[in-house]
Protein backbone atom coordinates (compact mmCIF):
# COMPACT_ATOMS: atom_id res chain seq x y z
CA MET A 1 0.00 0.00 0.00
CA ILE A 2 1.24 3.52 -0.78
CA PRO A 3 2.59 5.05 2.49
CA ILE A 4 1.04 8.45 1.83
CA LEU A 5 -2.44 6.86 1.63
CA SER A 6 -1.99 5.27 5.05
CA LYS A 7 -0.78 8.57 6.47
CA LEU A 8 -3.73 10.51 5.03
CA SER A 9 -6.17 7.86 6.23
CA LYS A 10 -4.85 8.03 9.81
CA ARG A 11 -5.13 11.81 9.71
CA PHE A 12 -8.72 11.50 8.46
CA LEU A 13 -9.65 9.06 11.22
CA SER A 14 -8.00 11.10 13.98
CA VAL A 15 -10.48 13.96 13.60
CA LYS A 16 -13.31 14.13 16.14
CA PRO A 17 -16.60 13.17 14.44
CA LEU A 18 -19.40 15.68 14.00
CA SER A 19 -22.26 14.86 16.35
CA PHE A 20 -24.97 16.02 13.92
CA LYS A 21 -25.91 13.35 11.40
CA ARG A 22 -27.75 13.86 8.12
CA PHE A 23 -31.18 12.22 7.92
CA LEU A 24 -29.73 9.71 5.45
CA TYR A 25 -27.38 8.18 8.02
CA ASP A 26 -30.19 6.31 9.78
CA LYS A 27 -31.62 5.11 6.46
CA ILE A 28 -28.46 3.26 5.38
CA ASP A 29 -28.13 -0.49 5.83
CA PHE A 30 -24.51 -0.63 6.97
CA THR A 31 -24.53 -4.45 6.95
CA ALA A 32 -24.21 -4.45 3.16
CA GLN A 33 -20.80 -5.24 1.68
CA VAL A 34 -20.92 -2.49 -0.94
CA ILE A 35 -22.60 0.84 -0.22
CA GLY A 36 -22.64 3.96 -2.38
CA ILE A 37 -23.42 7.52 -1.30
CA VAL A 38 -23.97 9.82 -4.26
CA GLY A 39 -24.89 13.48 -4.32
CA GLY A 40 -23.79 16.98 -5.13
CA ARG A 41 -20.51 18.43 -3.95
CA GLY A 42 -20.61 19.87 -0.46
CA SER A 43 -23.68 17.92 0.65
CA GLY A 44 -21.90 16.05 3.44
CA LYS A 45 -20.89 12.72 1.88
CA THR A 46 -17.34 12.77 3.29
CA THR A 47 -18.63 13.61 6.75
CA LEU A 48 -20.99 10.64 6.60
CA LEU A 49 -18.10 8.31 5.69
CA HIS A 50 -16.12 9.68 8.62
CA GLN A 51 -19.00 9.27 11.07
CA TYR A 52 -19.53 5.65 10.10
CA ALA A 53 -15.83 4.87 10.34
CA LYS A 54 -15.65 6.34 13.84
CA SER A 55 -18.74 4.49 15.06
CA SER A 56 -18.10 1.17 13.34
CA LYS A 57 -16.88 -2.03 14.98
CA TYR A 58 -13.53 -1.80 13.17
CA LYS A 59 -10.22 -0.69 14.66
CA SER A 60 -8.47 2.25 13.02
CA SER A 61 -5.82 -0.13 11.64
CA GLN A 62 -8.58 -2.06 9.85
CA ILE A 63 -9.92 1.03 8.06
CA LEU A 64 -8.47 2.71 5.00
CA TYR A 65 -9.86 6.01 3.74
CA ILE A 66 -8.84 7.05 0.22
CA SER A 67 -9.64 10.40 -1.36
CA CYS A 68 -9.72 9.38 -5.00
CA ASP A 69 -9.04 12.90 -6.25
CA HIS A 70 -5.77 13.13 -4.28
CA PRO A 71 -2.64 13.48 -6.50
CA SER A 72 -1.19 10.29 -5.00
CA MET A 73 -3.94 8.29 -6.72
CA ILE A 74 -2.95 9.32 -10.25
CA ASN A 75 -2.22 6.21 -12.35
CA GLN A 76 -2.68 3.91 -9.36
CA ASN A 77 -4.39 0.52 -9.51
CA LEU A 78 -7.20 0.67 -6.97
CA TYR A 79 -7.55 -3.09 -6.79
CA ASP A 80 -3.87 -3.61 -5.98
CA ILE A 81 -4.14 -1.08 -3.15
CA ALA A 82 -7.29 -2.75 -1.80
CA ASP A 83 -5.81 -6.23 -2.08
CA ASP A 84 -2.67 -5.21 -0.20
CA PHE A 85 -4.80 -3.58 2.50
CA TYR A 86 -6.97 -6.72 2.75
CA THR A 87 -3.93 -9.02 2.92
CA HIS A 88 -2.66 -7.05 5.91
CA GLY A 89 -5.91 -7.38 7.85
CA GLY A 90 -8.01 -4.59 6.36
CA LYS A 91 -11.78 -4.71 6.87
CA LEU A 92 -13.33 -1.39 5.78
CA LEU A 93 -12.40 0.53 2.63
CA LEU A 94 -13.76 4.06 2.25
CA LEU A 95 -13.47 5.51 -1.25
CA ASP A 96 -14.29 9.22 -1.47
CA GLU A 97 -15.01 10.92 -4.83
CA ILE A 98 -14.78 7.59 -6.63
CA HIS A 99 -15.82 9.11 -9.95
CA LYS A 100 -12.26 10.48 -10.17
CA ILE A 101 -10.98 6.93 -10.77
CA LYS A 102 -11.18 5.86 -14.39
CA ASP A 103 -13.12 2.60 -14.82
CA PHE A 104 -13.86 2.50 -11.11
CA ASN A 105 -16.64 0.01 -11.79
CA SER A 106 -14.20 -2.77 -12.67
CA TYR A 107 -12.16 -2.15 -9.53
CA ILE A 108 -15.22 -2.25 -7.27
CA LYS A 109 -16.37 -5.48 -8.88
CA ALA A 110 -12.94 -7.09 -8.45
CA ILE A 111 -12.73 -6.00 -4.82
CA TYR A 112 -16.18 -7.46 -4.23
CA ASP A 113 -15.36 -10.74 -5.99
CA PHE A 114 -11.92 -11.40 -4.48
CA THR A 115 -11.94 -9.89 -1.00
CA ASP A 116 -14.26 -9.67 1.99
CA LEU A 117 -13.72 -5.94 2.40
CA GLN A 118 -16.70 -3.79 3.19
CA VAL A 119 -16.59 -0.99 0.63
CA ILE A 120 -18.36 2.33 1.08
CA PHE A 121 -17.85 4.85 -1.68
CA SER A 122 -19.01 8.36 -2.36
CA GLY A 123 -19.36 9.96 -5.73
CA SER A 124 -21.01 12.59 -7.86
CA SER A 125 -24.73 12.18 -8.40
CA ALA A 126 -23.88 12.36 -12.11
CA ILE A 127 -22.47 8.83 -12.22
CA ASN A 128 -24.85 6.15 -13.41
CA ILE A 129 -24.37 3.47 -10.78
CA LYS A 130 -26.35 0.75 -12.54
CA HIS A 131 -24.44 1.33 -15.76
CA GLU A 132 -21.02 1.87 -14.19
CA ILE A 133 -20.99 -1.09 -11.81
CA GLY A 134 -22.94 -3.50 -13.96
CA ASP A 135 -23.78 -6.80 -12.28
CA ILE A 136 -22.71 -5.65 -8.82
CA SER A 137 -25.35 -2.91 -8.86
CA ARG A 138 -27.83 -5.60 -7.84
CA ARG A 139 -25.80 -6.26 -4.71
CA ALA A 140 -24.74 -2.71 -3.89
CA LEU A 141 -26.97 -0.37 -1.93
CA VAL A 142 -26.81 3.15 -3.32
CA TYR A 143 -28.25 6.18 -1.54
CA ASN A 144 -28.68 9.76 -2.71
CA MET A 145 -27.59 12.67 -0.50
CA PRO A 146 -29.61 15.85 -1.17
CA VAL A 147 -28.92 19.33 0.20
CA LEU A 148 -29.84 20.08 3.80
CA SER A 149 -33.51 20.46 4.57
CA PHE A 150 -34.64 23.51 6.54
CA ARG A 151 -35.18 21.17 9.51
CA GLU A 152 -31.62 19.81 9.25
CA TYR A 153 -30.24 23.33 9.00
CA LEU A 154 -31.91 24.22 12.28
CA ALA A 155 -30.46 21.12 13.92
CA LEU A 156 -26.94 21.66 12.57
CA LYS A 157 -26.99 25.24 13.87
CA ASN A 158 -28.25 23.85 17.20
CA ILE A 159 -31.26 26.16 17.04
CA ALA A 160 -33.82 23.40 17.40
CA HIS A 161 -33.93 19.63 17.05
CA LEU A 162 -37.34 18.91 15.61
CA LYS A 163 -38.86 15.87 13.95
CA PRO A 164 -39.71 15.61 10.25
CA TYR A 165 -43.26 15.30 8.95
CA THR A 166 -44.70 13.45 5.98
CA LEU A 167 -46.32 15.38 3.17
CA GLU A 168 -49.67 13.89 4.17
CA GLU A 169 -49.24 15.22 7.70
CA ILE A 170 -48.30 18.68 6.43
CA VAL A 171 -51.26 19.08 4.06
CA ASN A 172 -53.76 17.70 6.58
CA PHE A 173 -52.47 19.01 9.92
CA HIS A 174 -50.27 21.99 9.09
CA GLU A 175 -52.02 24.35 11.51
CA ASP A 176 -51.34 22.04 14.47
CA ILE A 177 -47.78 21.35 13.32
CA VAL A 178 -46.99 25.06 13.06
CA VAL A 179 -48.18 25.59 16.65
CA GLU A 180 -45.70 22.93 17.82
CA ILE A 181 -42.78 24.33 15.84
CA ALA A 182 -43.50 27.99 16.56
CA GLY A 183 -43.36 27.14 20.25
CA GLU A 184 -39.66 26.35 19.75
CA ILE A 185 -38.46 28.85 17.13
CA LYS A 186 -39.38 31.86 15.03
CA PRO A 187 -39.53 30.04 11.68
CA LEU A 188 -39.56 33.07 9.38
CA GLU A 189 -36.42 34.55 10.96
CA HIS A 190 -34.43 31.38 10.37
CA PHE A 191 -36.02 30.53 7.02
CA ALA A 192 -34.69 33.77 5.52
CA HIS A 193 -31.20 32.73 6.59
CA TYR A 194 -31.66 29.20 5.24
CA LEU A 195 -32.61 30.46 1.78
CA LYS A 196 -29.29 32.32 1.61
CA TYR A 197 -26.81 29.97 3.21
CA GLY A 198 -28.46 26.90 4.70
CA ALA A 199 -28.50 24.25 1.98
CA TYR A 200 -24.90 23.08 2.38
CA PRO A 201 -23.29 21.97 5.68
CA PHE A 202 -20.15 24.03 5.08
CA PHE A 203 -21.94 27.14 6.34
CA LYS A 204 -20.50 25.95 9.68
CA GLU A 205 -17.07 26.97 8.37
CA GLY A 206 -18.12 30.61 8.13
CA ILE A 207 -20.89 32.69 6.58
CA ILE A 208 -18.50 35.27 5.14
CA SER A 209 -16.78 32.66 2.99
CA TYR A 210 -19.97 30.73 2.21
CA GLY A 211 -20.54 32.35 -1.17
CA ASP A 212 -16.96 31.69 -2.29
CA ARG A 213 -17.20 28.06 -1.23
CA LEU A 214 -20.49 27.61 -3.03
CA LEU A 215 -19.13 29.18 -6.19
CA GLU A 216 -16.23 26.75 -5.98
CA VAL A 217 -18.74 23.88 -5.74
CA ILE A 218 -20.48 25.09 -8.91
CA ASN A 219 -17.27 25.59 -10.87
CA THR A 220 -15.70 22.30 -9.77
CA THR A 221 -18.90 20.40 -10.54
CA ILE A 222 -18.94 21.79 -14.09
CA ASP A 223 -15.24 22.15 -14.91
CA SER A 224 -14.08 18.91 -13.30
CA ASP A 225 -16.85 16.45 -12.50
CA LEU A 226 -19.26 16.89 -15.41
CA ALA A 227 -16.47 17.59 -17.89
CA SER A 228 -14.74 14.31 -17.08
CA ILE A 229 -17.79 12.10 -16.57
CA PHE A 230 -19.50 13.18 -19.79
CA SER A 231 -16.42 14.16 -21.82
CA ILE A 232 -17.58 17.73 -22.42
CA ASN A 233 -15.20 19.87 -24.46
CA TYR A 234 -13.58 22.62 -22.43
CA GLU A 235 -14.84 25.37 -24.72
CA LYS A 236 -18.44 24.25 -24.12
CA LEU A 237 -18.27 24.57 -20.32
CA ASP A 238 -19.04 28.29 -20.37
CA ALA A 239 -22.37 27.48 -22.04
CA LEU A 240 -23.43 25.55 -18.95
CA LYS A 241 -22.60 28.51 -16.72
CA LYS A 242 -24.52 30.90 -18.97
CA VAL A 243 -27.61 28.73 -18.59
CA LEU A 244 -27.29 28.79 -14.81
CA TYR A 245 -27.08 32.58 -14.88
CA MET A 246 -30.15 32.89 -17.07
CA LEU A 247 -32.19 30.57 -14.85
CA CYS A 248 -31.14 32.61 -11.84
CA CYS A 249 -32.61 35.90 -13.02
CA THR A 250 -35.58 34.66 -15.07
CA THR A 251 -39.02 33.74 -13.79
CA PRO A 252 -39.71 30.01 -14.25
CA TYR A 253 -42.65 30.78 -16.53
CA GLU A 254 -40.49 32.68 -19.00
CA VAL A 255 -37.97 29.90 -19.58
CA ASN A 256 -38.18 28.35 -23.01
CA LYS A 257 -35.84 26.36 -25.21
CA SER A 258 -35.20 29.06 -27.81
CA LYS A 259 -34.20 31.65 -25.20
CA LEU A 260 -31.94 29.17 -23.45
CA SER A 261 -30.34 28.02 -26.70
CA ASN A 262 -29.68 31.59 -27.86
CA SER A 263 -28.27 32.56 -24.49
CA ALA A 264 -25.92 29.59 -24.39
CA GLY A 265 -24.98 29.90 -28.04
CA ILE A 266 -25.55 26.22 -28.82
CA SER A 267 -28.30 24.16 -30.42
CA TRP A 268 -31.25 22.91 -28.42
CA SER A 269 -30.30 19.26 -29.00
CA THR A 270 -26.87 19.87 -27.49
CA LEU A 271 -28.24 22.05 -24.74
CA SER A 272 -30.79 19.37 -23.81
CA LYS A 273 -27.95 16.98 -23.08
CA TYR A 274 -26.14 19.62 -21.02
CA LEU A 275 -29.27 20.35 -19.00
CA ASP A 276 -29.55 16.65 -18.22
CA TYR A 277 -25.89 16.58 -17.17
CA MET A 278 -26.40 19.53 -14.82
CA GLN A 279 -29.44 17.89 -13.29
CA LYS A 280 -27.41 14.76 -12.64
CA GLY A 281 -24.68 16.96 -11.17
CA SER A 282 -27.17 18.44 -8.65
CA LEU A 283 -27.15 21.91 -10.18
CA LEU A 284 -30.63 21.85 -11.74
CA ASN A 285 -34.03 20.25 -11.33
CA ILE A 286 -35.92 19.61 -14.56
CA LEU A 287 -39.67 19.09 -14.24
CA ARG A 288 -41.80 17.69 -17.01
CA GLY A 289 -45.51 18.10 -17.56
CA SER A 290 -48.04 16.03 -15.71
CA LYS A 291 -49.75 13.15 -17.46
CA GLY A 292 -51.91 14.35 -20.30
CA HIS A 293 -50.27 17.76 -20.58
CA LYS A 294 -49.58 18.57 -24.21
CA THR A 295 -45.95 19.55 -23.60
CA ILE A 296 -45.00 16.43 -21.66
CA LYS A 297 -42.17 15.68 -24.12
CA ILE A 298 -40.17 18.78 -23.22
CA PRO A 299 -39.13 20.14 -19.82
CA ASN A 300 -41.78 22.60 -18.68
CA LYS A 301 -39.82 24.04 -15.81
CA ILE A 302 -36.10 24.19 -15.23
CA LEU A 303 -35.10 25.34 -11.76
CA LEU A 304 -31.83 25.77 -9.95
CA ASN A 305 -31.25 22.84 -7.63
CA ASN A 306 -31.67 24.84 -4.41
CA PRO A 307 -32.25 28.47 -3.32
CA ASN A 308 -28.66 29.09 -2.14
CA LEU A 309 -27.38 28.99 -5.73
CA PHE A 310 -29.17 32.22 -6.61
CA ALA A 311 -27.08 34.49 -4.39
CA VAL A 312 -23.79 33.51 -6.06
CA LEU A 313 -25.03 33.29 -9.65
CA CYS A 314 -26.74 36.65 -10.16
CA ALA A 315 -27.28 39.99 -8.44
CA GLN A 316 -31.01 40.25 -9.18
CA ALA A 317 -32.48 36.82 -8.51
CA ASP A 318 -36.15 36.21 -9.26
CA ILE A 319 -38.02 35.66 -5.98
CA GLY A 320 -40.55 33.37 -7.64
CA ALA A 321 -37.76 31.13 -8.89
CA ILE A 322 -36.18 31.06 -5.42
CA ARG A 323 -39.45 29.95 -3.82
CA GLU A 324 -40.08 27.25 -6.41
CA SER A 325 -36.48 26.06 -6.25
CA PHE A 326 -36.84 25.62 -2.49
CA ILE A 327 -40.07 23.64 -2.45
CA VAL A 328 -39.00 21.39 -5.33
CA SER A 329 -35.65 20.67 -3.67
CA GLN A 330 -37.48 19.51 -0.54
CA LEU A 331 -40.23 17.55 -2.29
CA LEU A 332 -38.04 15.61 -4.71
CA VAL A 333 -36.21 13.77 -1.95
CA LYS A 334 -39.20 11.50 -1.29
CA HIS A 335 -41.80 12.39 -3.93
CA ARG A 336 -42.44 12.57 -7.66
CA VAL A 337 -42.95 16.13 -8.83
CA HIS A 338 -44.32 17.29 -12.20
CA TYR A 339 -45.13 20.68 -13.58
CA HIS A 340 -48.89 21.25 -13.58
CA HIS A 341 -50.71 23.39 -16.14
CA GLU A 342 -53.19 24.80 -13.59
CA GLY A 343 -51.18 24.87 -10.37
CA ASP A 344 -47.39 25.02 -10.22
CA PHE A 345 -46.68 21.41 -9.30
CA LEU A 346 -48.36 18.03 -9.17
CA VAL A 347 -46.92 15.82 -6.43
CA ASP A 348 -47.27 12.03 -6.57
CA GLU A 349 -50.11 12.46 -9.10
CA LYS A 350 -52.27 13.55 -6.14
CA TYR A 351 -51.50 16.95 -4.64
CA ILE A 352 -51.52 20.20 -6.60
CA ILE A 353 -49.36 22.94 -5.09
CA GLU A 354 -49.31 26.59 -6.12
CA VAL A 355 -46.41 28.68 -4.78
CA GLY A 356 -46.39 32.41 -4.13
CA GLY A 357 -46.05 35.38 -1.78
CA LYS A 358 -48.52 36.91 0.67
CA SER A 359 -50.65 38.45 -2.05
CA LYS A 360 -51.21 35.15 -3.84
CA ASP A 361 -54.87 34.14 -3.98
CA ALA A 362 -56.48 30.76 -4.53
CA LYS A 363 -58.61 31.54 -7.58
CA GLN A 364 -56.35 29.59 -9.92
CA ILE A 365 -56.83 26.35 -7.98
CA LYS A 366 -60.16 26.90 -6.19
CA GLU A 367 -62.00 24.35 -8.33
CA LEU A 368 -59.28 21.70 -8.06
CA LYS A 369 -59.27 18.73 -5.70
CA ASN A 370 -56.34 18.33 -3.26
CA ALA A 371 -54.99 21.74 -4.22
CA TYR A 372 -52.93 23.86 -1.82
CA LEU A 373 -51.18 27.22 -1.68
CA ALA A 374 -47.59 27.26 -0.38
CA ILE A 375 -47.17 30.86 0.71
CA ASP A 376 -43.95 32.65 1.62
CA ASP A 377 -43.61 35.24 4.42
CA ILE A 378 -46.38 33.83 6.61
CA GLU A 379 -45.74 31.98 9.86
CA SER A 380 -48.97 30.00 9.88
CA GLY A 381 -51.69 29.13 7.41
CA TYR A 382 -55.33 28.03 7.35
CA ASP A 383 -57.43 25.55 5.39
CA ASN A 384 -55.51 24.90 2.17
CA VAL A 385 -52.99 27.73 2.71
CA ILE A 386 -49.71 26.35 4.03
CA PRO A 387 -46.59 28.36 4.96
CA LEU A 388 -43.83 27.69 2.47
CA TRP A 389 -41.16 27.13 5.14
CA LEU A 390 -43.04 24.13 6.53
CA PHE A 391 -42.13 22.07 3.45
CA GLY A 392 -38.58 22.23 4.78
CA PHE A 393 -39.60 19.67 7.41
CA LEU A 394 -40.16 16.80 4.98
CA TYR A 395 -36.81 15.12 5.83
């Protein structure tokens, strides 16, 4: 085994673990031999690997952590490293940023076939696990790590440790739920902060530098991760950033393929692929029309992945886009969301949700069944009017 890898692994394991755990931690079946954690950069994947390592049954000498984007891994054979570690008594292999290893799928399969190592890897949400790992994908458990929910943000800041609620509970009992939560915190005060710098755990490292760190996440995701995974030509990368800027300052209703194509300076067919890449890279959410809608074959709404992206991408962000970006980012973790031609969104083919500010009225959805208003800048709602911030308690 390469000495520098052992040294870096010991340094990684010597750090005191963070007490706060993402909601996903308790969902993972850690008895599986191969586990994957995929998600956007900065979402907390490395921290989760560290927390499991520190709480596992293994001794530090039986654990090897490898950051696959470290310079020492250039031109290295991952299987040879794993085999050497296994031969010397290794039990747990943690592979961070595995998408940086070319043909990582073959290495994972060989490690699975010829050793008894437990392998937990993290990687970009852009990698296609079923395609990349092939046969082993049926044996591997792969979990997706989204951005922090509003509830998790409150817990990580040690403001309040509150339970999550199902969507059914929120739409049916939101008035009672708000009374419980408002007894602990002032939700609107903290929600405003969350929309600016609460989606990524690294806000703990400083609010002043938060924007710079988030911009680095965006640039690295495009210039490094997406460029290498999808073999995008370097000169085309600016087109992806132009699209992000346009989505930042445009209302969701005004987005259309011709405007996006002209802004990016590339054809719609090419841009469609790039939009898909950015969705897989956790930079966008693309919503298609609900069943029966005449435009179901094209994306009806394209939103930035989460509200924090707006502050670093443009000076004059559209407030409607921010609100919709937030609620979609929270809903998509556990639900299917489509664009709806009468309301804004159709969730699980059952609930229609219209999003807006205080002045929003219900006339657009008043004749619709299971239709609700998600309203910003209100602490509590009534009947089918639900405060927007409450959807941040879904996970």
